[in-house]
Amino acid sequence: MTVILTEDVKKLGKKGDVVEVKDGYAKNALFPKKLAVEANAAAMNKRKLEQKAEAKKKQEELDSATKIKEIINNKKITIPIKTGEGGKAFGSVTTKEIADSIKDGFDIIVDKKKIQLSNPIKSIGAMNVTIKLHPQIVAQIIVETTGM
């Protein structure tokens, strides 16, 4: 029997895959748990429409990430940090503070989880920070810290 998987099934396939399984496995395991539907004409057509919608969504995400990269790539943001005697910083600059500065400076919302810091910023000066906007798009931004 040919079925379309509605969820990822271990050792069988991923969601949306069309696979051939034995009738008993489909009727007794996959259909009751709603892990698959029978691959009839209506289900195949629905699958094609879902794939087109998913492809369109992925393309829009890629376009959005490209636009954001064009705006913020190699630009500089300034973040004031508290310093003590001798310019020693108290604490460090977090990814949330970097995301907030990008929002304030460029009016762009960047998820703090996409900002990659190799080491915490604990000193005054400039540092390049990588932002992974999309699996294929990576931007660099210069974070300059100043004492206050």
Protein backbone atom coordinates (compact mmCIF):
# COMPACT_ATOMS: atom_id res chain seq x y z
CA MET A 1 0.00 0.00 0.00
CA THR A 2 1.26 3.48 -0.83
CA VAL A 3 0.94 6.07 1.95
CA ILE A 4 1.92 9.67 2.57
CA LEU A 5 3.58 10.26 5.93
CA THR A 6 2.04 13.03 8.03
CA GLU A 7 4.82 12.85 10.66
CA ASP A 8 8.43 11.70 10.70
CA VAL A 9 8.51 7.93 11.24
CA LYS A 10 11.76 6.32 12.37
CA LYS A 11 13.27 3.96 9.77
CA LEU A 12 10.49 4.78 7.30
CA GLY A 13 10.74 8.42 6.21
CA LYS A 14 10.13 12.08 6.87
CA LYS A 15 6.89 14.04 6.88
CA GLY A 16 5.50 14.36 3.34
CA ASP A 17 7.34 11.33 1.94
CA VAL A 18 5.41 8.86 -0.21
CA VAL A 19 6.37 5.34 0.85
CA GLU A 20 5.30 1.79 0.12
CA VAL A 21 4.34 -0.25 3.22
CA LYS A 22 2.52 -3.49 3.90
CA ASP A 23 -1.27 -3.22 4.25
CA GLY A 24 -1.28 -4.50 7.84
CA TYR A 25 1.36 -2.03 9.00
CA ALA A 26 -0.55 0.85 7.44
CA LYS A 27 -3.95 -0.17 8.84
CA ASN A 28 -2.78 -1.27 12.30
CA ALA A 29 0.06 1.13 13.09
CA LEU A 30 0.24 4.17 10.82
CA PHE A 31 -3.43 5.08 10.27
CA PRO A 32 -4.63 4.73 13.92
CA LYS A 33 -1.74 6.89 15.17
CA LYS A 34 -2.37 9.39 12.35
CA LEU A 35 1.21 9.00 11.13
CA ALA A 36 0.14 8.49 7.52
CA VAL A 37 -2.74 8.82 5.07
CA GLU A 38 -3.54 6.70 2.05
CA ALA A 39 -1.91 8.06 -1.11
CA ASN A 40 -5.02 8.71 -3.21
CA ALA A 41 -5.42 11.49 -5.79
CA ALA A 42 -6.80 14.03 -3.30
CA ALA A 43 -4.02 13.41 -0.77
CA MET A 44 -1.32 13.63 -3.48
CA ASN A 45 -2.76 16.94 -4.71
CA LYS A 46 -2.84 18.31 -1.14
CA ARG A 47 0.79 17.19 -0.69
CA LYS A 48 1.84 19.08 -3.85
CA LEU A 49 0.11 22.24 -2.65
CA GLU A 50 1.77 21.98 0.76
CA GLN A 51 5.18 21.50 -0.86
CA LYS A 52 4.65 24.60 -3.02
CA ALA A 53 3.60 26.64 0.02
CA GLU A 54 6.63 25.40 1.97
CA ALA A 55 8.98 26.25 -0.90
CA LYS A 56 7.47 29.73 -1.15
CA LYS A 57 7.88 30.26 2.60
CA LYS A 58 11.52 29.15 2.49
CA GLN A 59 12.21 31.49 -0.43
CA GLU A 60 10.61 34.41 1.45
CA GLU A 61 12.79 33.65 4.50
CA LEU A 62 15.89 33.59 2.28
CA ASP A 63 14.92 36.90 0.64
CA SER A 64 14.26 38.48 4.04
CA ALA A 65 17.63 37.29 5.38
CA THR A 66 19.37 38.66 2.28
CA LYS A 67 17.75 42.08 2.74
CA ILE A 68 18.72 42.19 6.42
CA LYS A 69 22.30 41.22 5.54
CA GLU A 70 22.50 44.06 2.98
CA ILE A 71 21.41 46.54 5.66
CA ILE A 72 23.54 45.44 8.63
CA ASN A 73 26.59 43.72 7.11
CA ASN A 74 29.86 45.36 8.22
CA LYS A 75 28.01 48.21 9.98
CA LYS A 76 28.93 49.40 13.46
CA ILE A 77 26.79 49.53 16.59
CA THR A 78 27.89 51.07 19.89
CA ILE A 79 27.00 49.60 23.26
CA PRO A 80 27.92 51.42 26.48
CA ILE A 81 29.09 49.20 29.34
CA LYS A 82 29.85 50.00 32.97
CA THR A 83 33.52 50.26 33.71
CA GLY A 84 35.53 50.64 36.86
CA GLU A 85 39.06 51.81 37.56
CA GLY A 86 41.51 51.26 34.73
CA GLY A 87 38.74 50.69 32.17
CA LYS A 88 37.88 47.23 33.50
CA ALA A 89 34.34 46.23 32.49
CA PHE A 90 31.72 44.98 34.91
CA GLY A 91 29.92 42.01 33.39
CA SER A 92 29.81 41.40 29.66
CA VAL A 93 27.79 42.33 26.59
CA THR A 94 25.06 39.78 25.93
CA THR A 95 23.45 38.73 22.66
CA LYS A 96 20.23 40.36 23.88
CA GLU A 97 21.98 43.72 24.20
CA ILE A 98 23.42 43.32 20.69
CA ALA A 99 19.96 42.43 19.30
CA ASP A 100 18.43 45.46 21.06
CA SER A 101 21.13 47.75 19.65
CA ILE A 102 20.50 46.42 16.13
CA LYS A 103 16.78 47.05 16.62
CA ASP A 104 17.41 50.60 17.86
CA GLY A 105 20.02 51.45 15.23
CA PHE A 106 18.58 49.83 12.11
CA ASP A 107 14.92 49.17 13.04
CA ILE A 108 15.43 45.47 12.31
CA ILE A 109 14.51 42.64 14.64
CA VAL A 110 17.21 39.96 14.89
CA ASP A 111 16.69 36.93 17.11
CA LYS A 112 19.31 36.89 19.87
CA LYS A 113 19.80 33.14 19.30
CA LYS A 114 21.14 33.86 15.81
CA ILE A 115 23.94 36.05 17.16
CA GLN A 116 27.09 33.99 17.61
CA LEU A 117 29.67 35.15 20.13
CA SER A 118 32.84 33.08 20.27
CA ASN A 119 33.85 34.75 23.54
CA PRO A 120 31.87 37.10 25.78
CA ILE A 121 32.63 40.77 25.17
CA LYS A 122 34.22 41.95 28.43
CA SER A 123 36.43 44.78 27.24
CA ILE A 124 36.18 48.19 25.69
CA GLY A 125 36.84 48.30 21.96
CA ALA A 126 35.51 46.93 18.68
CA MET A 127 34.81 43.30 17.88
CA ASN A 128 33.37 41.53 14.84
CA VAL A 129 30.26 39.49 15.64
CA THR A 130 28.72 36.87 13.36
CA ILE A 131 24.97 36.71 12.87
CA LYS A 132 23.58 33.57 11.22
CA LEU A 133 20.42 34.97 9.65
CA HIS A 134 19.64 31.85 7.60
CA PRO A 135 21.44 28.54 7.02
CA GLN A 136 22.84 30.06 3.81
CA ILE A 137 23.18 33.73 4.92
CA VAL A 138 25.72 34.95 7.46
CA ALA A 139 26.29 38.63 8.29
CA GLN A 140 29.07 40.35 10.20
CA ILE A 141 28.49 43.36 12.42
CA ILE A 142 31.02 45.42 14.33
CA VAL A 143 30.16 45.85 18.02
CA GLU A 144 31.99 48.72 19.66
CA THR A 145 31.84 48.96 23.43
CA THR A 146 32.40 52.23 25.25
CA GLY A 147 32.84 52.89 28.94
CA MET A 148 30.36 54.90 30.93
